[in-house]
N, C-alpha and C. Protein backbone atom coordinates (compact mmCIF):
# COMPACT_ATOMS: atom_id res chain seq x y z
N MET A 1 0.86 -1.17 -0.04
CA MET A 1 0.25 0.22 -0.04
C MET A 1 0.79 1.30 0.18
N VAL A 2 0.67 2.16 -1.13
CA VAL A 2 1.62 3.48 -1.20
C VAL A 2 0.75 4.50 -0.83
N VAL A 3 1.35 5.38 0.15
CA VAL A 3 0.57 6.38 0.43
C VAL A 3 1.39 7.73 0.25
N PRO A 4 0.34 8.54 -0.46
CA PRO A 4 0.92 9.74 -1.31
C PRO A 4 1.70 10.41 -0.13
N ARG A 5 2.62 10.95 -0.41
CA ARG A 5 3.43 11.91 0.46
C ARG A 5 2.74 13.17 1.18
N ALA A 6 1.75 13.64 0.18
CA ALA A 6 0.73 14.86 0.80
C ALA A 6 -0.11 14.21 1.94
N GLY A 7 -0.73 12.85 1.72
CA GLY A 7 -1.53 12.21 2.67
C GLY A 7 -0.79 11.95 3.99
N PHE A 8 0.27 11.44 3.67
CA PHE A 8 1.11 11.04 4.85
C PHE A 8 1.62 12.38 5.60
N VAL A 9 1.80 13.43 5.24
CA VAL A 9 1.97 14.43 6.07
C VAL A 9 0.54 15.09 6.74
N ILE A 10 -0.40 15.08 5.96
CA ILE A 10 -1.58 15.46 6.86
C ILE A 10 -1.79 14.49 7.94
N ILE A 11 -1.59 13.26 7.80
CA ILE A 11 -1.82 12.12 8.80
C ILE A 11 -1.02 12.55 10.02
N ILE A 12 0.27 12.76 9.64
CA ILE A 12 0.98 13.03 10.88
C ILE A 12 0.77 14.57 11.32
N GLY A 13 0.45 15.56 10.42
CA GLY A 13 0.04 16.78 11.26
C GLY A 13 -1.23 16.58 12.26
N ILE A 14 -2.19 15.86 11.77
CA ILE A 14 -3.30 15.61 12.66
C ILE A 14 -3.02 14.89 13.87
N GLY A 15 -2.10 13.92 13.72
CA GLY A 15 -1.50 13.33 15.06
C GLY A 15 -0.83 14.08 16.04
N THR A 16 0.06 14.81 15.48
CA THR A 16 0.86 15.82 16.36
C THR A 16 -0.08 16.78 16.88
N THR A 17 -1.11 17.16 16.08
CA THR A 17 -2.13 18.35 16.80
C THR A 17 -2.75 17.63 17.82
N LYS A 18 -3.04 16.42 17.86
CA LYS A 18 -3.92 15.86 18.88
C LYS A 18 -3.01 15.62 20.00
N ILE A 19 -1.66 15.35 19.79
CA ILE A 19 -0.82 15.04 20.91
C ILE A 19 -0.56 16.49 21.74
N ASN A 20 -0.54 17.53 20.86
CA ASN A 20 -0.09 18.77 21.45
C ASN A 20 -1.26 19.06 22.24
N HIS A 21 -2.67 19.03 21.75
CA HIS A 21 -3.91 19.22 22.70
C HIS A 21 -3.84 18.49 23.86
N PHE A 22 -3.53 17.26 23.72
CA PHE A 22 -3.51 16.26 24.90
C PHE A 22 -2.64 16.86 26.13
N PHE A 23 -1.40 17.35 25.68
CA PHE A 23 -0.32 17.72 26.57
C PHE A 23 -0.90 19.18 27.07
N ASP A 24 -1.55 20.00 26.37
CA ASP A 24 -1.92 21.40 26.85
C ASP A 24 -3.23 20.95 27.79
N TYR A 25 -3.96 19.84 27.57
CA TYR A 25 -5.15 19.66 28.43
C TYR A 25 -4.48 19.25 29.87
N ASN A 26 -3.41 18.53 29.76
CA ASN A 26 -2.63 18.07 30.97
C ASN A 26 -2.18 19.19 31.68
N ILE A 27 -1.40 20.01 30.94
CA ILE A 27 -0.78 20.97 31.70
C ILE A 27 -1.90 22.10 32.56
N LYS A 28 -3.05 22.12 31.68
CA LYS A 28 -3.95 23.09 32.22
C LYS A 28 -4.80 22.56 33.27
N VAL A 29 -4.89 21.20 33.50
CA VAL A 29 -5.43 20.62 34.53
C VAL A 29 -4.41 20.56 35.84
N LYS A 30 -3.00 20.59 35.58
CA LYS A 30 -2.21 20.53 36.56
C LYS A 30 -2.16 22.18 37.16
């Protein structure tokens, strides 16, 4: 299965964005 570079970048971008929101939530709670 070949994933286009653009699609791969979008998937990585969404993943990192969710991780950043997760860390921001933890920091705000603490």
